[in-house]
N, C-alpha and C. Protein backbone atom coordinates (compact mmCIF):
# COMPACT_ATOMS: atom_id res chain seq x y z
N UNK A 1 -99.61 168.50 -59.26
CA UNK A 1 -100.85 168.52 -60.01
C UNK A 1 -101.18 169.98 -60.32
N UNK A 2 -101.64 170.26 -61.46
CA UNK A 2 -101.95 171.63 -61.85
C UNK A 2 -103.15 172.12 -61.10
N UNK A 3 -103.11 173.39 -60.69
CA UNK A 3 -104.28 173.94 -59.99
C UNK A 3 -105.33 174.34 -61.01
N UNK A 4 -106.56 174.42 -60.55
CA UNK A 4 -107.65 174.76 -61.45
C UNK A 4 -108.46 175.88 -60.83
N UNK A 5 -108.92 176.79 -61.67
CA UNK A 5 -109.77 177.87 -61.20
C UNK A 5 -111.05 177.84 -62.00
N UNK A 6 -112.12 178.17 -61.36
CA UNK A 6 -113.42 178.14 -62.02
C UNK A 6 -113.57 179.34 -62.93
N UNK A 7 -114.23 179.16 -64.02
CA UNK A 7 -114.57 180.26 -64.91
C UNK A 7 -116.04 180.56 -64.73
N UNK A 8 -116.46 180.72 -63.48
CA UNK A 8 -117.86 180.84 -63.13
C UNK A 8 -118.52 182.10 -63.65
N UNK A 9 -117.76 183.16 -63.99
CA UNK A 9 -118.38 184.39 -64.44
C UNK A 9 -118.92 184.26 -65.85
N UNK A 10 -118.42 183.29 -66.62
CA UNK A 10 -118.89 183.08 -67.98
C UNK A 10 -119.90 181.95 -68.00
N UNK A 11 -120.81 181.98 -68.95
CA UNK A 11 -121.77 180.87 -69.07
C UNK A 11 -121.05 179.67 -69.67
N UNK A 12 -121.61 178.50 -69.44
CA UNK A 12 -120.95 177.29 -69.94
C UNK A 12 -120.92 177.23 -71.45
N UNK A 13 -121.90 177.85 -72.12
CA UNK A 13 -121.89 177.81 -73.58
C UNK A 13 -120.78 178.69 -74.14
N UNK A 14 -120.49 179.83 -73.48
CA UNK A 14 -119.40 180.68 -73.93
C UNK A 14 -118.07 180.01 -73.64
N UNK A 15 -118.01 179.32 -72.54
CA UNK A 15 -116.79 178.69 -72.08
C UNK A 15 -116.42 177.49 -72.96
N UNK A 16 -117.38 176.85 -73.50
CA UNK A 16 -117.15 175.62 -74.23
C UNK A 16 -116.63 175.86 -75.65
N UNK A 17 -116.93 176.95 -76.23
CA UNK A 17 -116.49 177.18 -77.58
C UNK A 17 -117.05 176.14 -78.53
N UNK A 18 -116.19 175.52 -79.32
CA UNK A 18 -116.65 174.53 -80.29
C UNK A 18 -116.59 173.10 -79.76
N UNK A 19 -116.22 172.93 -78.50
CA UNK A 19 -116.14 171.60 -77.92
C UNK A 19 -117.55 171.05 -77.68
N UNK A 20 -117.72 169.74 -77.80
CA UNK A 20 -119.03 169.16 -77.46
C UNK A 20 -119.24 169.19 -75.96
N UNK A 21 -120.48 169.14 -75.55
CA UNK A 21 -120.76 169.13 -74.11
C UNK A 21 -120.21 167.85 -73.50
N UNK A 22 -119.67 167.99 -72.32
CA UNK A 22 -119.11 166.85 -71.61
C UNK A 22 -120.06 166.48 -70.47
N UNK A 23 -120.36 165.21 -70.34
CA UNK A 23 -121.27 164.74 -69.31
C UNK A 23 -120.50 163.96 -68.26
N UNK A 24 -120.85 164.19 -67.00
CA UNK A 24 -120.20 163.45 -65.93
C UNK A 24 -120.84 162.08 -65.80
N UNK A 25 -120.39 161.29 -64.83
CA UNK A 25 -120.90 159.95 -64.65
C UNK A 25 -122.34 159.92 -64.14
N UNK A 26 -122.85 161.09 -63.75
CA UNK A 26 -124.23 161.19 -63.28
C UNK A 26 -125.15 161.62 -64.43
N UNK A 27 -124.61 161.65 -65.64
CA UNK A 27 -125.33 162.00 -66.85
C UNK A 27 -125.81 163.45 -66.81
N UNK A 28 -125.02 164.31 -66.20
CA UNK A 28 -125.31 165.73 -66.15
C UNK A 28 -124.19 166.47 -66.88
N UNK A 29 -124.54 167.65 -67.43
CA UNK A 29 -123.52 168.44 -68.11
C UNK A 29 -122.51 168.89 -67.05
N UNK A 30 -121.26 168.58 -67.30
CA UNK A 30 -120.20 168.91 -66.33
C UNK A 30 -119.75 170.36 -66.53
N UNK A 31 -119.55 171.10 -65.43
CA UNK A 31 -119.04 172.47 -65.57
C UNK A 31 -117.58 172.42 -66.01
N UNK A 32 -117.17 173.42 -66.79
CA UNK A 32 -115.79 173.45 -67.26
C UNK A 32 -114.97 174.43 -66.44
N UNK A 33 -113.73 174.07 -66.24
CA UNK A 33 -112.77 174.94 -65.57
C UNK A 33 -111.52 174.98 -66.45
N UNK A 34 -110.83 176.09 -66.41
CA UNK A 34 -109.62 176.25 -67.23
C UNK A 34 -108.42 176.26 -66.30
N UNK A 35 -107.39 175.50 -66.67
CA UNK A 35 -106.16 175.48 -65.89
C UNK A 35 -105.40 176.77 -66.18
N UNK A 36 -105.15 177.55 -65.15
CA UNK A 36 -104.47 178.83 -65.32
C UNK A 36 -103.03 178.78 -64.78
N UNK A 37 -102.69 177.71 -64.10
CA UNK A 37 -101.35 177.55 -63.54
C UNK A 37 -100.38 177.29 -64.68
N UNK A 38 -99.23 177.91 -64.60
CA UNK A 38 -98.20 177.73 -65.62
C UNK A 38 -97.70 176.29 -65.55
N UNK A 39 -97.72 175.62 -66.66
CA UNK A 39 -97.26 174.24 -66.73
C UNK A 39 -97.78 173.57 -67.99
N UNK A 40 -97.57 172.26 -68.10
CA UNK A 40 -97.95 171.57 -69.34
C UNK A 40 -99.46 171.56 -69.59
N UNK A 41 -100.27 171.79 -68.57
CA UNK A 41 -101.72 171.75 -68.75
C UNK A 41 -102.35 173.13 -68.76
N UNK A 42 -101.52 174.17 -68.81
CA UNK A 42 -102.04 175.54 -68.79
C UNK A 42 -102.96 175.74 -69.99
N UNK A 43 -104.12 176.29 -69.73
CA UNK A 43 -105.08 176.55 -70.81
C UNK A 43 -106.00 175.39 -71.10
N UNK A 44 -105.67 174.21 -70.60
CA UNK A 44 -106.55 173.06 -70.80
C UNK A 44 -107.79 173.25 -69.96
N UNK A 45 -108.90 172.79 -70.49
CA UNK A 45 -110.14 172.92 -69.76
C UNK A 45 -110.55 171.53 -69.26
N UNK A 46 -111.09 171.50 -68.06
CA UNK A 46 -111.54 170.23 -67.49
C UNK A 46 -112.98 170.38 -67.03
N UNK A 47 -113.63 169.26 -66.94
CA UNK A 47 -114.97 169.29 -66.35
C UNK A 47 -114.81 169.11 -64.85
N UNK A 48 -115.90 169.18 -64.11
CA UNK A 48 -115.85 169.10 -62.67
C UNK A 48 -115.36 167.78 -62.12
N UNK A 49 -115.33 166.72 -62.94
CA UNK A 49 -114.86 165.46 -62.41
C UNK A 49 -113.50 165.08 -63.01
N UNK A 50 -112.73 166.08 -63.34
CA UNK A 50 -111.34 165.94 -63.77
C UNK A 50 -111.15 165.11 -65.03
N UNK A 51 -111.93 165.38 -66.02
CA UNK A 51 -111.76 164.75 -67.32
C UNK A 51 -111.33 165.87 -68.27
N UNK A 52 -110.19 165.71 -68.93
CA UNK A 52 -109.75 166.73 -69.86
C UNK A 52 -110.72 166.77 -71.03
N UNK A 53 -111.22 167.97 -71.31
CA UNK A 53 -112.25 168.11 -72.34
C UNK A 53 -111.74 167.68 -73.71
N UNK A 54 -110.49 167.97 -74.04
CA UNK A 54 -109.99 167.62 -75.36
C UNK A 54 -109.58 166.15 -75.46
N UNK A 55 -109.74 165.41 -74.39
CA UNK A 55 -109.43 163.99 -74.39
C UNK A 55 -110.69 163.15 -74.19
N UNK A 56 -111.83 163.74 -74.57
CA UNK A 56 -113.10 163.01 -74.42
C UNK A 56 -113.03 161.76 -75.28
N UNK A 57 -113.31 160.62 -74.67
CA UNK A 57 -113.30 159.37 -75.43
C UNK A 57 -114.73 158.91 -75.69
N UNK A 58 -115.58 159.88 -75.87
CA UNK A 58 -116.97 159.65 -76.21
C UNK A 58 -117.67 158.78 -75.17
N UNK A 59 -117.71 159.32 -73.97
CA UNK A 59 -118.35 158.63 -72.84
C UNK A 59 -119.80 158.33 -73.16
N UNK A 60 -120.49 159.29 -73.78
CA UNK A 60 -121.91 159.08 -74.10
C UNK A 60 -122.09 157.87 -75.01
N UNK A 61 -121.21 157.75 -75.99
CA UNK A 61 -121.32 156.60 -76.90
C UNK A 61 -121.06 155.30 -76.15
N UNK A 62 -120.08 155.32 -75.28
CA UNK A 62 -119.79 154.13 -74.48
C UNK A 62 -120.96 153.80 -73.55
N UNK A 63 -121.56 154.84 -72.94
CA UNK A 63 -122.72 154.62 -72.08
C UNK A 63 -123.87 154.02 -72.89
N UNK A 64 -124.07 154.51 -74.11
CA UNK A 64 -125.12 153.98 -74.97
C UNK A 64 -124.84 152.52 -75.32
N UNK A 65 -123.59 152.21 -75.65
CA UNK A 65 -123.23 150.83 -75.96
C UNK A 65 -123.44 149.92 -74.75
N UNK A 66 -123.06 150.41 -73.56
CA UNK A 66 -123.27 149.63 -72.35
C UNK A 66 -124.76 149.42 -72.10
N UNK A 67 -125.56 150.46 -72.32
CA UNK A 67 -127.00 150.34 -72.14
C UNK A 67 -127.57 149.31 -73.12
N UNK A 68 -127.15 149.39 -74.38
CA UNK A 68 -127.63 148.43 -75.38
C UNK A 68 -127.22 147.01 -75.01
N UNK A 69 -126.00 146.84 -74.52
CA UNK A 69 -125.56 145.50 -74.10
C UNK A 69 -126.36 145.02 -72.90
N UNK A 70 -126.64 145.93 -71.95
CA UNK A 70 -127.46 145.55 -70.79
C UNK A 70 -128.85 145.12 -71.24
N UNK A 71 -129.42 145.85 -72.20
CA UNK A 71 -130.74 145.49 -72.73
C UNK A 71 -130.67 144.12 -73.40
N UNK A 72 -129.63 143.90 -74.20
CA UNK A 72 -129.48 142.62 -74.89
C UNK A 72 -129.32 141.48 -73.88
N UNK A 73 -128.53 141.72 -72.83
CA UNK A 73 -128.35 140.70 -71.78
C UNK A 73 -129.68 140.40 -71.12
N UNK A 74 -130.45 141.45 -70.81
CA UNK A 74 -131.77 141.24 -70.19
C UNK A 74 -132.68 140.45 -71.11
N UNK A 75 -132.66 140.78 -72.42
CA UNK A 75 -133.48 140.04 -73.39
C UNK A 75 -133.06 138.58 -73.45
N UNK A 76 -131.75 138.34 -73.47
CA UNK A 76 -131.25 136.97 -73.53
C UNK A 76 -131.59 136.20 -72.26
N UNK A 77 -131.50 136.87 -71.10
CA UNK A 77 -131.87 136.21 -69.85
C UNK A 77 -133.35 135.86 -69.84
N UNK A 78 -134.18 136.76 -70.36
CA UNK A 78 -135.62 136.48 -70.45
C UNK A 78 -135.87 135.31 -71.39
N UNK A 79 -135.19 135.31 -72.53
CA UNK A 79 -135.33 134.21 -73.49
C UNK A 79 -134.87 132.90 -72.86
N UNK A 80 -133.77 132.95 -72.12
CA UNK A 80 -133.26 131.75 -71.42
C UNK A 80 -134.30 131.23 -70.44
N UNK A 81 -134.90 132.14 -69.68
CA UNK A 81 -135.93 131.75 -68.72
C UNK A 81 -137.12 131.11 -69.43
N UNK A 82 -137.53 131.71 -70.55
CA UNK A 82 -138.64 131.14 -71.32
C UNK A 82 -138.29 129.75 -71.83
N UNK A 83 -137.06 129.59 -72.30
CA UNK A 83 -136.63 128.27 -72.79
C UNK A 83 -136.57 127.26 -71.65
N UNK A 84 -136.11 127.69 -70.48
CA UNK A 84 -136.08 126.78 -69.33
C UNK A 84 -137.49 126.32 -68.96
N UNK A 85 -138.45 127.24 -69.04
CA UNK A 85 -139.85 126.88 -68.76
C UNK A 85 -140.34 125.87 -69.79
N UNK A 86 -140.02 126.11 -71.07
CA UNK A 86 -140.43 125.17 -72.13
C UNK A 86 -139.80 123.80 -71.91
N UNK A 87 -138.51 123.79 -71.55
CA UNK A 87 -137.82 122.51 -71.31
C UNK A 87 -138.48 121.77 -70.16
N UNK A 88 -138.84 122.48 -69.10
CA UNK A 88 -139.51 121.84 -67.96
C UNK A 88 -140.84 121.26 -68.38
N UNK A 89 -141.61 122.02 -69.17
CA UNK A 89 -142.90 121.53 -69.65
C UNK A 89 -142.71 120.29 -70.53
N UNK A 90 -141.69 120.33 -71.39
CA UNK A 90 -141.42 119.17 -72.25
C UNK A 90 -141.00 117.95 -71.44
N UNK A 91 -140.20 118.17 -70.40
CA UNK A 91 -139.79 117.05 -69.54
C UNK A 91 -141.00 116.47 -68.82
N UNK A 92 -141.89 117.35 -68.33
CA UNK A 92 -143.11 116.88 -67.67
C UNK A 92 -143.97 116.09 -68.66
N UNK A 93 -144.10 116.61 -69.88
CA UNK A 93 -144.90 115.91 -70.91
C UNK A 93 -144.26 114.57 -71.25
N UNK A 94 -142.93 114.54 -71.31
CA UNK A 94 -142.23 113.28 -71.59
C UNK A 94 -142.54 112.25 -70.51
N UNK A 95 -142.50 112.68 -69.25
CA UNK A 95 -142.83 111.76 -68.15
C UNK A 95 -144.26 111.25 -68.26
N UNK A 96 -145.20 112.15 -68.62
CA UNK A 96 -146.59 111.74 -68.81
C UNK A 96 -146.69 110.69 -69.92
N UNK A 97 -146.02 110.94 -71.03
CA UNK A 97 -146.06 110.00 -72.16
C UNK A 97 -145.41 108.67 -71.80
N UNK A 98 -144.30 108.72 -71.05
CA UNK A 98 -143.67 107.48 -70.61
C UNK A 98 -144.60 106.69 -69.71
N UNK A 99 -145.35 107.37 -68.83
CA UNK A 99 -146.34 106.70 -67.99
C UNK A 99 -147.43 106.07 -68.84
N UNK A 100 -147.90 106.82 -69.84
CA UNK A 100 -148.93 106.29 -70.73
C UNK A 100 -148.43 105.06 -71.49
N UNK A 101 -147.20 105.13 -71.98
CA UNK A 101 -146.62 103.98 -72.69
C UNK A 101 -146.52 102.78 -71.76
N UNK A 102 -146.10 103.03 -70.53
CA UNK A 102 -146.01 101.93 -69.56
C UNK A 102 -147.39 101.33 -69.30
N UNK A 103 -148.41 102.18 -69.16
CA UNK A 103 -149.77 101.69 -68.95
C UNK A 103 -150.25 100.89 -70.16
N UNK A 104 -149.97 101.39 -71.36
CA UNK A 104 -150.34 100.64 -72.57
C UNK A 104 -149.62 99.30 -72.62
N UNK A 105 -148.35 99.32 -72.22
CA UNK A 105 -147.59 98.06 -72.19
C UNK A 105 -148.23 97.06 -71.24
N UNK A 106 -148.66 97.52 -70.07
CA UNK A 106 -149.33 96.64 -69.11
C UNK A 106 -150.62 96.12 -69.70
N UNK A 107 -151.42 97.01 -70.33
CA UNK A 107 -152.68 96.61 -70.93
C UNK A 107 -152.47 95.60 -72.05
N UNK A 108 -151.46 95.82 -72.87
CA UNK A 108 -151.17 94.89 -73.97
C UNK A 108 -150.75 93.54 -73.41
N UNK A 109 -149.91 93.54 -72.38
CA UNK A 109 -149.48 92.29 -71.76
C UNK A 109 -150.68 91.54 -71.18
N UNK A 110 -151.56 92.26 -70.50
CA UNK A 110 -152.76 91.64 -69.94
C UNK A 110 -153.65 91.07 -71.05
N UNK A 111 -153.78 91.82 -72.15
CA UNK A 111 -154.60 91.34 -73.28
C UNK A 111 -153.98 90.10 -73.90
N UNK A 112 -152.67 90.07 -74.03
CA UNK A 112 -152.00 88.88 -74.59
C UNK A 112 -152.21 87.66 -73.69
N UNK A 113 -152.05 87.89 -72.38
CA UNK A 113 -152.26 86.78 -71.45
C UNK A 113 -153.69 86.27 -71.52
N UNK A 114 -154.62 87.22 -71.61
CA UNK A 114 -156.03 86.82 -71.72
C UNK A 114 -156.27 86.08 -73.03
N UNK A 115 -155.67 86.57 -74.11
CA UNK A 115 -155.81 85.90 -75.40
C UNK A 115 -155.21 84.51 -75.36
N UNK A 116 -154.03 84.40 -74.78
CA UNK A 116 -153.41 83.07 -74.66
C UNK A 116 -154.27 82.14 -73.80
N UNK A 117 -154.81 82.70 -72.74
CA UNK A 117 -155.68 81.89 -71.87
C UNK A 117 -156.93 81.45 -72.63
N UNK A 118 -157.50 82.34 -73.41
CA UNK A 118 -158.69 82.01 -74.20
C UNK A 118 -158.35 80.95 -75.25
N UNK A 119 -157.21 81.08 -75.89
CA UNK A 119 -156.79 80.07 -76.89
C UNK A 119 -156.60 78.70 -76.23
N UNK A 120 -155.97 78.74 -75.05
CA UNK A 120 -155.74 77.47 -74.34
C UNK A 120 -157.08 76.84 -73.97
N UNK A 121 -158.04 77.65 -73.53
CA UNK A 121 -159.36 77.13 -73.19
C UNK A 121 -160.05 76.57 -74.42
N UNK A 122 -159.93 77.24 -75.55
CA UNK A 122 -160.55 76.76 -76.79
C UNK A 122 -159.93 75.43 -77.22
N UNK A 123 -158.60 75.35 -77.10
CA UNK A 123 -157.93 74.10 -77.47
C UNK A 123 -158.40 72.95 -76.60
N UNK A 124 -158.52 73.23 -75.29
CA UNK A 124 -159.01 72.19 -74.37
C UNK A 124 -160.45 71.80 -74.71
N UNK A 125 -161.25 72.80 -74.98
CA UNK A 125 -162.65 72.52 -75.31
C UNK A 125 -162.73 71.75 -76.60
N UNK A 126 -161.94 72.14 -77.57
CA UNK A 126 -161.94 71.44 -78.86
C UNK A 126 -161.42 70.01 -78.68
N UNK A 127 -160.39 69.87 -77.90
CA UNK A 127 -159.86 68.52 -77.64
C UNK A 127 -160.89 67.69 -76.89
N UNK A 128 -161.60 68.28 -75.98
CA UNK A 128 -162.62 67.55 -75.24
C UNK A 128 -163.75 67.11 -76.16
N UNK A 129 -164.16 68.05 -77.03
CA UNK A 129 -165.26 67.74 -77.97
C UNK A 129 -164.84 66.64 -78.92
N UNK A 130 -163.60 66.73 -79.41
CA UNK A 130 -163.11 65.74 -80.36
C UNK A 130 -162.90 64.37 -79.71
N UNK A 131 -162.62 64.40 -78.44
CA UNK A 131 -162.39 63.12 -77.78
C UNK A 131 -163.70 62.38 -77.52
N UNK A 132 -164.83 62.91 -77.60
CA UNK A 132 -166.11 62.24 -77.43
C UNK A 132 -166.41 61.45 -78.59
């Protein structure tokens, strides 16, 4: 592995040149170090967490995308919870309406029986009156 030496005597802005700032996983500007060991990485600059500066794959953009997806997931979970609450309320209302329908059915049946009983009584009374 190539050795690395700090370029601590220079400020990070001088050290960076035209490269964009590199942020570590803690969302802090990472210090740059230059590889001075002779080898394939000589002259390459790295940040403190061993990410080659010229191989930045736009971590900030990926972090932003992940944040946006996390926000979207949270919004969808909230929406799901709201829908679950609505479904529960609708199920409760359905049960109430089914109970009301059952009660109306009982009342209608009782009214029919009473009506039939009244008709039967009228027929008997009419038959009795006619038989005199």
